[in-house]
Amino acid sequence: MTDDAFHLTALDVRRYDFGNALRGYDRARVDQFRDQVAEELERLSRANQELDAKARSFHEQLRAFRDRDKAINEALVSAQQLRGEIRQQAEREALLIVREAQAEADKSLQQVREDVRRAEEELQQLWRARRAYLSQLRNHLERQLNELQAAEDEPVPTFGLARETLRETLRDTPRAAPAPTPSWLDVVDEL
């Protein structure tokens, strides 16, 4: 017989009546054995129930552990995906920062080159202006030197002749009224 067809409980063993026969078994010994069997069945039933409860508890724990393991694995996969996405995002941002920095550096370098070119042009203009100024200064100084040379080369004037010429000029000039101040002739005579 299989377990599915035959289920025997301790109560079934206690209530079972073997019947009487002519050459039968000792009734007291059968009752005693029946009680022992019933007690053993009760103990086995309790042990089986305890084991079933433990098994259910272990199955629940195992299911909880599997759920946790599944959640941990999913979290690990998500973390790995997130790590990969973060790494890719960081690499993209780093490339963008490098490109922006390179563009800014190129722009700054171009500005510096333009500033240097303008400074060179200004320096060349200043140099040309310096040369022109020095040339003008040289010309001016040469004229001054020529005038100085000419002034040094002039003959000493004779003042007697100049006095006579001045007197004649002053005599020929009409006078408006006699002046109370000394005349020009008196001033020339004093020279």
N, C-alpha and C. Protein backbone atom coordinates (compact mmCIF):
# COMPACT_ATOMS: atom_id res chain seq x y z
N MET A 1 0.82 -1.17 0.00
CA MET A 1 0.00 0.00 0.00
C MET A 1 0.87 1.24 0.00
N THR A 2 0.31 2.30 -0.58
CA THR A 2 1.04 3.55 -0.62
C THR A 2 0.55 4.45 0.49
N ASP A 3 1.33 5.56 0.72
CA ASP A 3 0.96 6.51 1.77
C ASP A 3 -0.33 7.23 1.44
N ASP A 4 -0.62 7.39 0.15
CA ASP A 4 -1.83 8.11 -0.23
C ASP A 4 -3.09 7.28 0.08
N ALA A 5 -3.00 5.98 0.02
CA ALA A 5 -4.18 5.13 0.23
C ALA A 5 -4.40 4.80 1.69
N PHE A 6 -3.35 4.83 2.49
CA PHE A 6 -3.49 4.40 3.87
C PHE A 6 -2.92 5.45 4.79
N HIS A 7 -3.79 6.08 5.61
CA HIS A 7 -3.37 7.07 6.61
C HIS A 7 -3.84 6.56 7.95
N LEU A 8 -2.90 6.31 8.79
CA LEU A 8 -3.22 5.76 10.09
C LEU A 8 -2.84 6.77 11.15
N THR A 9 -3.80 7.10 12.01
CA THR A 9 -3.53 8.03 13.10
C THR A 9 -3.51 7.25 14.39
N ALA A 10 -3.04 7.90 15.46
CA ALA A 10 -2.99 7.25 16.78
C ALA A 10 -4.40 6.94 17.25
N LEU A 11 -5.37 7.78 16.95
CA LEU A 11 -6.75 7.54 17.35
C LEU A 11 -7.30 6.31 16.64
N ASP A 12 -6.92 6.15 15.34
CA ASP A 12 -7.37 4.97 14.60
C ASP A 12 -6.82 3.70 15.25
N VAL A 13 -5.59 3.72 15.70
CA VAL A 13 -4.97 2.54 16.32
C VAL A 13 -5.68 2.24 17.65
N ARG A 14 -6.01 3.26 18.43
CA ARG A 14 -6.65 3.03 19.73
C ARG A 14 -8.09 2.49 19.57
N ARG A 15 -8.76 2.89 18.57
CA ARG A 15 -10.16 2.48 18.40
C ARG A 15 -10.29 1.15 17.61
N TYR A 16 -9.22 0.74 17.03
CA TYR A 16 -9.31 -0.46 16.21
C TYR A 16 -9.65 -1.67 17.10
N ASP A 17 -10.62 -2.45 16.63
CA ASP A 17 -11.03 -3.65 17.39
C ASP A 17 -10.60 -4.85 16.58
N PHE A 18 -9.81 -5.68 17.22
CA PHE A 18 -9.27 -6.84 16.50
C PHE A 18 -10.30 -7.99 16.42
N GLY A 19 -11.25 -7.94 17.20
CA GLY A 19 -12.26 -9.02 17.22
C GLY A 19 -11.76 -10.21 18.05
N ASN A 20 -12.69 -11.15 18.31
CA ASN A 20 -12.32 -12.31 19.13
C ASN A 20 -12.28 -13.56 18.24
N ALA A 21 -11.32 -14.33 18.53
CA ALA A 21 -11.19 -15.58 17.79
C ALA A 21 -10.87 -16.68 18.80
N LEU A 22 -11.05 -17.87 18.39
CA LEU A 22 -10.87 -18.97 19.29
C LEU A 22 -9.41 -19.13 19.68
N ARG A 23 -8.66 -19.14 18.87
CA ARG A 23 -7.25 -19.27 19.19
C ARG A 23 -6.60 -17.93 18.92
N GLY A 24 -7.00 -16.90 19.50
CA GLY A 24 -6.54 -15.54 19.22
C GLY A 24 -5.36 -15.13 20.08
N TYR A 25 -5.08 -13.87 19.99
CA TYR A 25 -3.94 -13.30 20.71
C TYR A 25 -4.35 -12.91 22.10
N ASP A 26 -3.31 -12.70 22.95
CA ASP A 26 -3.57 -12.28 24.31
C ASP A 26 -4.06 -10.83 24.24
N ARG A 27 -5.26 -10.64 24.74
CA ARG A 27 -5.91 -9.35 24.62
C ARG A 27 -5.13 -8.26 25.33
N ALA A 28 -4.59 -8.47 26.48
CA ALA A 28 -3.84 -7.44 27.24
C ALA A 28 -2.59 -7.04 26.49
N ARG A 29 -1.92 -8.03 25.94
CA ARG A 29 -0.70 -7.71 25.19
C ARG A 29 -1.03 -6.96 23.93
N VAL A 30 -2.13 -7.28 23.28
CA VAL A 30 -2.52 -6.56 22.07
C VAL A 30 -2.88 -5.13 22.43
N ASP A 31 -3.62 -4.94 23.53
CA ASP A 31 -3.97 -3.56 23.95
C ASP A 31 -2.73 -2.77 24.31
N GLN A 32 -1.81 -3.46 25.00
CA GLN A 32 -0.56 -2.76 25.36
C GLN A 32 0.22 -2.38 24.11
N PHE A 33 0.33 -3.30 23.15
CA PHE A 33 1.04 -3.00 21.92
C PHE A 33 0.34 -1.90 21.14
N ARG A 34 -1.01 -1.99 21.11
CA ARG A 34 -1.77 -0.96 20.42
C ARG A 34 -1.51 0.42 21.04
N ASP A 35 -1.42 0.52 22.37
CA ASP A 35 -1.14 1.81 23.04
C ASP A 35 0.28 2.29 22.69
N GLN A 36 1.23 1.35 22.66
CA GLN A 36 2.61 1.73 22.31
C GLN A 36 2.69 2.24 20.87
N VAL A 37 1.98 1.55 20.00
CA VAL A 37 1.97 1.96 18.60
C VAL A 37 1.31 3.33 18.47
N ALA A 38 0.21 3.53 19.20
CA ALA A 38 -0.49 4.82 19.14
C ALA A 38 0.40 5.94 19.66
N GLU A 39 1.10 5.68 20.77
CA GLU A 39 2.00 6.70 21.32
C GLU A 39 3.14 7.01 20.33
N GLU A 40 3.68 5.95 19.74
CA GLU A 40 4.75 6.17 18.76
C GLU A 40 4.24 6.93 17.55
N LEU A 41 3.03 6.62 17.09
CA LEU A 41 2.43 7.35 15.98
C LEU A 41 2.22 8.81 16.35
N GLU A 42 1.77 9.05 17.60
CA GLU A 42 1.60 10.45 18.04
C GLU A 42 2.94 11.18 18.05
N ARG A 43 3.96 10.49 18.61
CA ARG A 43 5.29 11.12 18.64
C ARG A 43 5.79 11.38 17.23
N LEU A 44 5.65 10.41 16.34
CA LEU A 44 6.09 10.57 14.96
C LEU A 44 5.28 11.65 14.25
N SER A 45 4.00 11.71 14.57
CA SER A 45 3.15 12.74 13.95
C SER A 45 3.59 14.14 14.41
N ARG A 46 3.85 14.25 15.74
CA ARG A 46 4.35 15.54 16.24
C ARG A 46 5.70 15.89 15.62
N ALA A 47 6.58 14.93 15.56
CA ALA A 47 7.90 15.16 14.97
C ALA A 47 7.75 15.54 13.50
N ASN A 48 6.82 14.83 12.82
CA ASN A 48 6.58 15.13 11.41
C ASN A 48 6.03 16.55 11.25
N GLN A 49 5.11 16.94 12.15
CA GLN A 49 4.56 18.29 12.09
C GLN A 49 5.65 19.34 12.35
N GLU A 50 6.50 19.04 13.35
CA GLU A 50 7.61 19.96 13.63
C GLU A 50 8.55 20.06 12.42
N LEU A 51 8.85 18.94 11.83
CA LEU A 51 9.72 18.94 10.66
C LEU A 51 9.06 19.67 9.49
N ASP A 52 7.74 19.44 9.33
CA ASP A 52 7.02 20.17 8.28
C ASP A 52 7.07 21.67 8.54
N ALA A 53 6.87 22.07 9.80
CA ALA A 53 6.92 23.50 10.14
C ALA A 53 8.32 24.06 9.87
N LYS A 54 9.34 23.30 10.28
CA LYS A 54 10.72 23.74 10.01
C LYS A 54 10.98 23.82 8.51
N ALA A 55 10.48 22.80 7.80
CA ALA A 55 10.70 22.79 6.35
C ALA A 55 10.01 24.01 5.72
N ARG A 56 8.76 24.29 6.16
CA ARG A 56 8.08 25.47 5.63
C ARG A 56 8.87 26.73 5.97
N SER A 57 9.36 26.79 7.22
CA SER A 57 10.15 27.96 7.62
C SER A 57 11.42 28.07 6.78
N PHE A 58 12.08 26.91 6.57
CA PHE A 58 13.29 26.93 5.75
C PHE A 58 12.96 27.30 4.30
N HIS A 59 11.81 26.80 3.81
CA HIS A 59 11.41 27.16 2.45
C HIS A 59 11.13 28.66 2.36
N GLU A 60 10.47 29.19 3.42
CA GLU A 60 10.21 30.64 3.44
C GLU A 60 11.53 31.41 3.48
N GLN A 61 12.44 30.96 4.35
CA GLN A 61 13.75 31.62 4.42
C GLN A 61 14.49 31.50 3.09
N LEU A 62 14.41 30.29 2.51
CA LEU A 62 15.09 30.08 1.23
C LEU A 62 14.49 30.99 0.17
N ARG A 63 13.14 31.10 0.14
CA ARG A 63 12.50 32.00 -0.81
C ARG A 63 12.91 33.44 -0.54
N ALA A 64 12.95 33.82 0.75
CA ALA A 64 13.37 35.19 1.10
C ALA A 64 14.83 35.42 0.67
N PHE A 65 15.68 34.41 0.92
CA PHE A 65 17.08 34.55 0.50
C PHE A 65 17.20 34.63 -1.02
N ARG A 66 16.39 33.82 -1.71
CA ARG A 66 16.42 33.88 -3.17
C ARG A 66 15.94 35.24 -3.66
N ASP A 67 14.86 35.74 -3.00
CA ASP A 67 14.37 37.08 -3.37
C ASP A 67 15.44 38.13 -3.12
N ARG A 68 16.08 38.02 -1.95
CA ARG A 68 17.17 38.97 -1.64
C ARG A 68 18.32 38.82 -2.63
N ASP A 69 18.65 37.56 -2.92
CA ASP A 69 19.74 37.32 -3.87
C ASP A 69 19.37 37.89 -5.23
N LYS A 70 18.11 37.68 -5.63
CA LYS A 70 17.65 38.23 -6.90
C LYS A 70 17.71 39.76 -6.86
N ALA A 71 17.24 40.35 -5.74
CA ALA A 71 17.28 41.81 -5.60
C ALA A 71 18.73 42.32 -5.60
N ILE A 72 19.60 41.59 -4.91
CA ILE A 72 21.02 41.99 -4.87
C ILE A 72 21.62 41.89 -6.26
N ASN A 73 21.30 40.79 -6.97
CA ASN A 73 21.81 40.64 -8.33
C ASN A 73 21.28 41.74 -9.24
N GLU A 74 19.98 42.04 -9.10
CA GLU A 74 19.41 43.12 -9.90
C GLU A 74 20.06 44.46 -9.55
N ALA A 75 20.27 44.68 -8.23
CA ALA A 75 20.93 45.92 -7.80
C ALA A 75 22.35 45.97 -8.33
N LEU A 76 23.03 44.82 -8.31
CA LEU A 76 24.39 44.76 -8.82
C LEU A 76 24.42 45.05 -10.32
N VAL A 77 23.48 44.45 -11.04
CA VAL A 77 23.41 44.70 -12.49
C VAL A 77 23.09 46.17 -12.73
N SER A 78 22.11 46.69 -11.95
CA SER A 78 21.76 48.11 -12.10
C SER A 78 22.96 48.99 -11.77
N ALA A 79 23.68 48.64 -10.70
CA ALA A 79 24.85 49.43 -10.32
C ALA A 79 25.92 49.37 -11.41
N GLN A 80 26.11 48.19 -11.98
CA GLN A 80 27.08 48.07 -13.06
C GLN A 80 26.65 48.87 -14.27
N GLN A 81 25.36 48.81 -14.59
CA GLN A 81 24.86 49.60 -15.72
C GLN A 81 25.01 51.09 -15.42
N LEU A 82 24.64 51.45 -14.17
CA LEU A 82 24.76 52.85 -13.77
C LEU A 82 26.22 53.29 -13.80
N ARG A 83 27.11 52.42 -13.32
CA ARG A 83 28.53 52.74 -13.36
C ARG A 83 29.00 52.95 -14.80
N GLY A 84 28.54 52.05 -15.68
CA GLY A 84 28.90 52.21 -17.09
C GLY A 84 28.34 53.49 -17.68
N GLU A 85 27.08 53.79 -17.34
CA GLU A 85 26.47 55.02 -17.84
C GLU A 85 27.18 56.25 -17.28
N ILE A 86 27.49 56.19 -15.98
CA ILE A 86 28.21 57.32 -15.35
C ILE A 86 29.59 57.47 -15.99
N ARG A 87 30.27 56.37 -16.23
CA ARG A 87 31.58 56.43 -16.86
C ARG A 87 31.47 57.02 -18.26
N GLN A 88 30.48 56.56 -19.02
CA GLN A 88 30.29 57.10 -20.36
C GLN A 88 29.95 58.58 -20.30
N GLN A 89 29.06 58.94 -19.37
CA GLN A 89 28.69 60.36 -19.22
C GLN A 89 29.92 61.18 -18.82
N ALA A 90 30.71 60.65 -17.89
CA ALA A 90 31.92 61.36 -17.46
C ALA A 90 32.90 61.50 -18.61
N GLU A 91 33.03 60.45 -19.41
CA GLU A 91 33.93 60.53 -20.57
C GLU A 91 33.43 61.55 -21.58
N ARG A 92 32.10 61.56 -21.81
CA ARG A 92 31.53 62.56 -22.72
C ARG A 92 31.76 63.97 -22.19
N GLU A 93 31.50 64.15 -20.88
CA GLU A 93 31.71 65.47 -20.28
C GLU A 93 33.18 65.86 -20.33
N ALA A 94 34.06 64.89 -20.08
CA ALA A 94 35.49 65.19 -20.13
C ALA A 94 35.90 65.59 -21.54
N LEU A 95 35.39 64.88 -22.53
CA LEU A 95 35.71 65.23 -23.91
C LEU A 95 35.16 66.62 -24.24
N LEU A 96 33.96 66.89 -23.76
CA LEU A 96 33.36 68.21 -24.00
C LEU A 96 34.19 69.30 -23.33
N ILE A 97 34.61 69.05 -22.10
CA ILE A 97 35.43 70.03 -21.37
C ILE A 97 36.76 70.24 -22.09
N VAL A 98 37.35 69.13 -22.55
CA VAL A 98 38.62 69.24 -23.27
C VAL A 98 38.43 70.02 -24.57
N ARG A 99 37.33 69.72 -25.29
CA ARG A 99 37.08 70.46 -26.53
C ARG A 99 36.86 71.95 -26.26
N GLU A 100 36.06 72.23 -25.21
CA GLU A 100 35.82 73.64 -24.87
C GLU A 100 37.12 74.32 -24.45
N ALA A 101 37.93 73.62 -23.67
CA ALA A 101 39.20 74.20 -23.24
C ALA A 101 40.12 74.41 -24.44
N GLN A 102 40.12 73.45 -25.36
CA GLN A 102 40.95 73.59 -26.56
C GLN A 102 40.48 74.77 -27.40
N ALA A 103 39.14 74.89 -27.54
CA ALA A 103 38.59 76.02 -28.31
C ALA A 103 38.93 77.34 -27.63
N GLU A 104 38.80 77.36 -26.30
CA GLU A 104 39.14 78.58 -25.55
C GLU A 104 40.63 78.88 -25.67
N ALA A 105 41.46 77.84 -25.61
CA ALA A 105 42.90 78.04 -25.76
C ALA A 105 43.23 78.55 -27.17
N ASP A 106 42.58 77.96 -28.17
CA ASP A 106 42.80 78.44 -29.54
C ASP A 106 42.37 79.89 -29.70
N LYS A 107 41.22 80.19 -29.09
CA LYS A 107 40.72 81.57 -29.16
C LYS A 107 41.69 82.52 -28.45
N SER A 108 42.15 82.11 -27.27
CA SER A 108 43.10 82.94 -26.52
C SER A 108 44.41 83.09 -27.30
N LEU A 109 44.86 81.99 -27.89
CA LEU A 109 46.09 82.04 -28.67
C LEU A 109 45.94 82.96 -29.87
N GLN A 110 44.79 82.88 -30.53
CA GLN A 110 44.53 83.77 -31.66
C GLN A 110 44.50 85.22 -31.19
N GLN A 111 43.89 85.48 -30.04
CA GLN A 111 43.84 86.84 -29.49
C GLN A 111 45.25 87.34 -29.17
N VAL A 112 46.06 86.46 -28.58
CA VAL A 112 47.44 86.84 -28.26
C VAL A 112 48.21 87.13 -29.55
N ARG A 113 48.01 86.29 -30.56
CA ARG A 113 48.70 86.53 -31.84
C ARG A 113 48.27 87.87 -32.43
N GLU A 114 46.97 88.16 -32.34
CA GLU A 114 46.46 89.44 -32.86
C GLU A 114 47.04 90.60 -32.07
N ASP A 115 47.10 90.44 -30.73
CA ASP A 115 47.69 91.49 -29.89
C ASP A 115 49.16 91.71 -30.23
N VAL A 116 49.89 90.61 -30.46
CA VAL A 116 51.31 90.71 -30.81
C VAL A 116 51.46 91.41 -32.16
N ARG A 117 50.60 91.04 -33.13
CA ARG A 117 50.67 91.67 -34.45
C ARG A 117 50.40 93.17 -34.33
N ARG A 118 49.35 93.54 -33.54
CA ARG A 118 49.05 94.96 -33.36
C ARG A 118 50.20 95.68 -32.66
N ALA A 119 50.78 95.03 -31.65
CA ALA A 119 51.90 95.64 -30.93
C ALA A 119 53.09 95.84 -31.86
N GLU A 120 53.34 94.85 -32.73
CA GLU A 120 54.44 95.00 -33.69
C GLU A 120 54.17 96.15 -34.65
N GLU A 121 52.91 96.26 -35.12
CA GLU A 121 52.57 97.37 -36.00
C GLU A 121 52.76 98.71 -35.29
N GLU A 122 52.29 98.78 -34.05
CA GLU A 122 52.45 100.02 -33.28
C GLU A 122 53.93 100.34 -33.08
N LEU A 123 54.71 99.30 -32.80
CA LEU A 123 56.14 99.50 -32.60
C LEU A 123 56.79 100.00 -33.89
N GLN A 124 56.38 99.42 -35.02
CA GLN A 124 56.93 99.89 -36.29
C GLN A 124 56.52 101.33 -36.56
N GLN A 125 55.26 101.66 -36.25
CA GLN A 125 54.83 103.05 -36.44
C GLN A 125 55.62 103.99 -35.53
N LEU A 126 55.81 103.58 -34.28
CA LEU A 126 56.60 104.40 -33.36
C LEU A 126 58.04 104.55 -33.86
N TRP A 127 58.58 103.48 -34.40
CA TRP A 127 59.95 103.53 -34.91
C TRP A 127 60.04 104.48 -36.11
N ARG A 128 59.03 104.38 -36.99
CA ARG A 128 59.03 105.30 -38.14
C ARG A 128 58.86 106.75 -37.66
N ALA A 129 57.96 106.95 -36.66
CA ALA A 129 57.75 108.30 -36.12
C ALA A 129 59.05 108.81 -35.47
N ARG A 130 59.77 107.93 -34.80
CA ARG A 130 61.05 108.31 -34.18
C ARG A 130 62.05 108.74 -35.25
N ARG A 131 62.11 107.93 -36.31
CA ARG A 131 63.04 108.28 -37.40
C ARG A 131 62.67 109.62 -38.02
N ALA A 132 61.35 109.81 -38.25
CA ALA A 132 60.91 111.07 -38.84
C ALA A 132 61.23 112.23 -37.90
N TYR A 133 60.99 112.03 -36.59
CA TYR A 133 61.29 113.08 -35.62
C TYR A 133 62.79 113.39 -35.60
N LEU A 134 63.59 112.33 -35.60
CA LEU A 134 65.05 112.54 -35.59
C LEU A 134 65.51 113.25 -36.87
N SER A 135 64.88 112.87 -37.99
CA SER A 135 65.23 113.53 -39.25
C SER A 135 64.86 115.01 -39.20
N GLN A 136 63.63 115.31 -38.68
CA GLN A 136 63.21 116.71 -38.56
C GLN A 136 64.11 117.46 -37.58
N LEU A 137 64.44 116.79 -36.47
CA LEU A 137 65.32 117.42 -35.48
C LEU A 137 66.69 117.71 -36.09
N ARG A 138 67.20 116.73 -36.87
CA ARG A 138 68.49 116.93 -37.53
C ARG A 138 68.41 118.12 -38.48
N ASN A 139 67.34 118.16 -39.29
CA ASN A 139 67.18 119.28 -40.23
C ASN A 139 67.09 120.62 -39.50
N HIS A 140 66.30 120.62 -38.42
CA HIS A 140 66.14 121.84 -37.63
C HIS A 140 67.48 122.26 -37.03
N LEU A 141 68.18 121.31 -36.46
CA LEU A 141 69.48 121.61 -35.85
C LEU A 141 70.48 122.08 -36.92
N GLU A 142 70.42 121.43 -38.09
CA GLU A 142 71.33 121.87 -39.15
C GLU A 142 71.01 123.30 -39.58
N ARG A 143 69.70 123.64 -39.67
CA ARG A 143 69.33 125.02 -40.00
C ARG A 143 69.82 125.98 -38.93
N GLN A 144 69.62 125.57 -37.67
CA GLN A 144 70.08 126.42 -36.56
C GLN A 144 71.60 126.60 -36.60
N LEU A 145 72.30 125.47 -36.88
CA LEU A 145 73.75 125.58 -36.97
C LEU A 145 74.16 126.48 -38.14
N ASN A 146 73.46 126.34 -39.27
CA ASN A 146 73.75 127.21 -40.41
C ASN A 146 73.50 128.67 -40.05
N GLU A 147 72.37 128.92 -39.33
CA GLU A 147 72.08 130.30 -38.93
C GLU A 147 73.13 130.80 -37.94
N LEU A 148 73.55 129.93 -37.03
CA LEU A 148 74.60 130.31 -36.07
C LEU A 148 75.90 130.61 -36.81
N GLN A 149 76.18 129.72 -37.77
CA GLN A 149 77.40 129.93 -38.55
C GLN A 149 77.32 131.25 -39.32
N ALA A 150 76.17 131.50 -39.89
CA ALA A 150 76.00 132.75 -40.65
C ALA A 150 76.09 133.95 -39.71
N ALA A 151 75.51 133.82 -38.50
CA ALA A 151 75.58 134.92 -37.53
C ALA A 151 77.01 135.15 -37.08
N GLU A 152 77.76 134.05 -36.92
CA GLU A 152 79.16 134.23 -36.53
C GLU A 152 79.98 134.82 -37.66
N ASP A 153 79.63 134.53 -38.88
CA ASP A 153 80.39 135.03 -40.03
C ASP A 153 80.03 136.48 -40.41
N GLU A 154 78.98 137.05 -39.84
CA GLU A 154 78.61 138.44 -40.17
C GLU A 154 79.71 139.38 -39.71
N PRO A 155 79.96 140.42 -40.51
CA PRO A 155 80.99 141.39 -40.10
C PRO A 155 80.44 142.28 -39.00
N VAL A 156 81.33 142.80 -38.22
CA VAL A 156 80.95 143.69 -37.14
C VAL A 156 80.42 144.98 -37.75
N PRO A 157 79.23 145.45 -37.38
CA PRO A 157 78.67 146.66 -37.99
C PRO A 157 79.37 147.91 -37.46
N THR A 158 79.35 148.91 -38.26
CA THR A 158 79.87 150.20 -37.84
C THR A 158 78.70 151.00 -37.34
N PHE A 159 78.81 151.46 -36.11
CA PHE A 159 77.68 152.12 -35.48
C PHE A 159 77.57 153.57 -35.91
N GLY A 160 78.64 154.20 -36.34
CA GLY A 160 78.57 155.60 -36.78
C GLY A 160 77.64 155.73 -37.97
N LEU A 161 77.77 154.94 -38.94
CA LEU A 161 76.94 154.99 -40.12
C LEU A 161 75.51 154.70 -39.77
N ALA A 162 75.26 153.78 -38.87
CA ALA A 162 73.92 153.43 -38.46
C ALA A 162 73.30 154.60 -37.74
N ARG A 163 74.08 155.30 -36.94
CA ARG A 163 73.55 156.45 -36.23
C ARG A 163 73.09 157.52 -37.20
N GLU A 164 73.87 157.78 -38.20
CA GLU A 164 73.53 158.80 -39.20
C GLU A 164 72.27 158.40 -39.93
N THR A 165 72.14 157.15 -40.28
CA THR A 165 70.98 156.67 -41.02
C THR A 165 69.75 156.79 -40.16
N LEU A 166 69.86 156.52 -38.89
CA LEU A 166 68.73 156.61 -37.98
C LEU A 166 68.33 158.07 -37.79
N ARG A 167 69.29 158.94 -37.68
CA ARG A 167 68.97 160.37 -37.53
C ARG A 167 68.22 160.88 -38.74
N GLU A 168 68.68 160.52 -39.88
CA GLU A 168 68.03 161.01 -41.10
C GLU A 168 66.61 160.46 -41.17
N THR A 169 66.40 159.27 -40.80
CA THR A 169 65.07 158.67 -40.86
C THR A 169 64.16 159.37 -39.87
N LEU A 170 64.66 159.65 -38.70
CA LEU A 170 63.83 160.29 -37.68
C LEU A 170 63.55 161.74 -38.05
N ARG A 171 64.48 162.44 -38.72
CA ARG A 171 64.24 163.80 -39.13
C ARG A 171 63.16 163.86 -40.18
N ASP A 172 63.18 162.93 -41.05
CA ASP A 172 62.23 162.96 -42.16
C ASP A 172 60.84 162.53 -41.69
N THR A 173 60.69 161.95 -40.56
CA THR A 173 59.39 161.51 -40.06
C THR A 173 58.67 162.69 -39.48
N PRO A 174 57.42 162.98 -39.91
CA PRO A 174 56.68 164.12 -39.39
C PRO A 174 56.31 163.89 -37.95
N ARG A 175 56.32 164.95 -37.19
CA ARG A 175 55.99 164.89 -35.78
C ARG A 175 54.64 165.52 -35.55
N ALA A 176 53.91 164.96 -34.63
CA ALA A 176 52.60 165.50 -34.35
C ALA A 176 52.69 166.64 -33.36
N ALA A 177 53.36 166.46 -32.32
CA ALA A 177 53.51 167.54 -31.34
C ALA A 177 54.80 167.33 -30.62
N PRO A 178 55.36 168.42 -30.10
CA PRO A 178 56.61 168.23 -29.39
C PRO A 178 56.37 167.38 -28.15
N ALA A 179 57.23 166.43 -27.94
CA ALA A 179 57.08 165.53 -26.81
C ALA A 179 57.88 166.02 -25.64
N PRO A 180 57.34 165.89 -24.48
CA PRO A 180 58.05 166.33 -23.30
C PRO A 180 59.18 165.38 -22.96
N THR A 181 59.17 164.22 -23.60
CA THR A 181 60.20 163.23 -23.32
C THR A 181 61.35 163.42 -24.27
N PRO A 182 62.51 162.87 -23.97
CA PRO A 182 63.66 163.04 -24.85
C PRO A 182 63.33 162.53 -26.24
N SER A 183 63.89 163.12 -27.22
CA SER A 183 63.64 162.75 -28.60
C SER A 183 64.46 161.53 -28.96
N TRP A 184 64.09 161.00 -30.08
CA TRP A 184 64.80 159.83 -30.57
C TRP A 184 66.21 160.19 -30.96
N LEU A 185 66.37 161.32 -31.35
CA LEU A 185 67.74 161.76 -31.72
C LEU A 185 68.61 161.76 -30.51
N ASP A 186 68.10 162.21 -29.37
CA ASP A 186 68.89 162.22 -28.14
C ASP A 186 69.26 160.79 -27.72
N VAL A 187 68.30 159.87 -27.91
CA VAL A 187 68.56 158.47 -27.53
C VAL A 187 69.61 157.90 -28.46
N VAL A 188 69.54 158.22 -29.76
CA VAL A 188 70.50 157.70 -30.70
C VAL A 188 71.87 158.27 -30.42
N ASP A 189 71.95 159.51 -30.03
CA ASP A 189 73.23 160.14 -29.73
C ASP A 189 73.88 159.46 -28.53
N GLU A 190 73.08 159.03 -27.63
CA GLU A 190 73.64 158.38 -26.44
C GLU A 190 74.23 157.03 -26.79
N LEU A 191 73.77 156.44 -27.85
CA LEU A 191 74.31 155.15 -28.27
C LEU A 191 75.72 155.38 -28.73
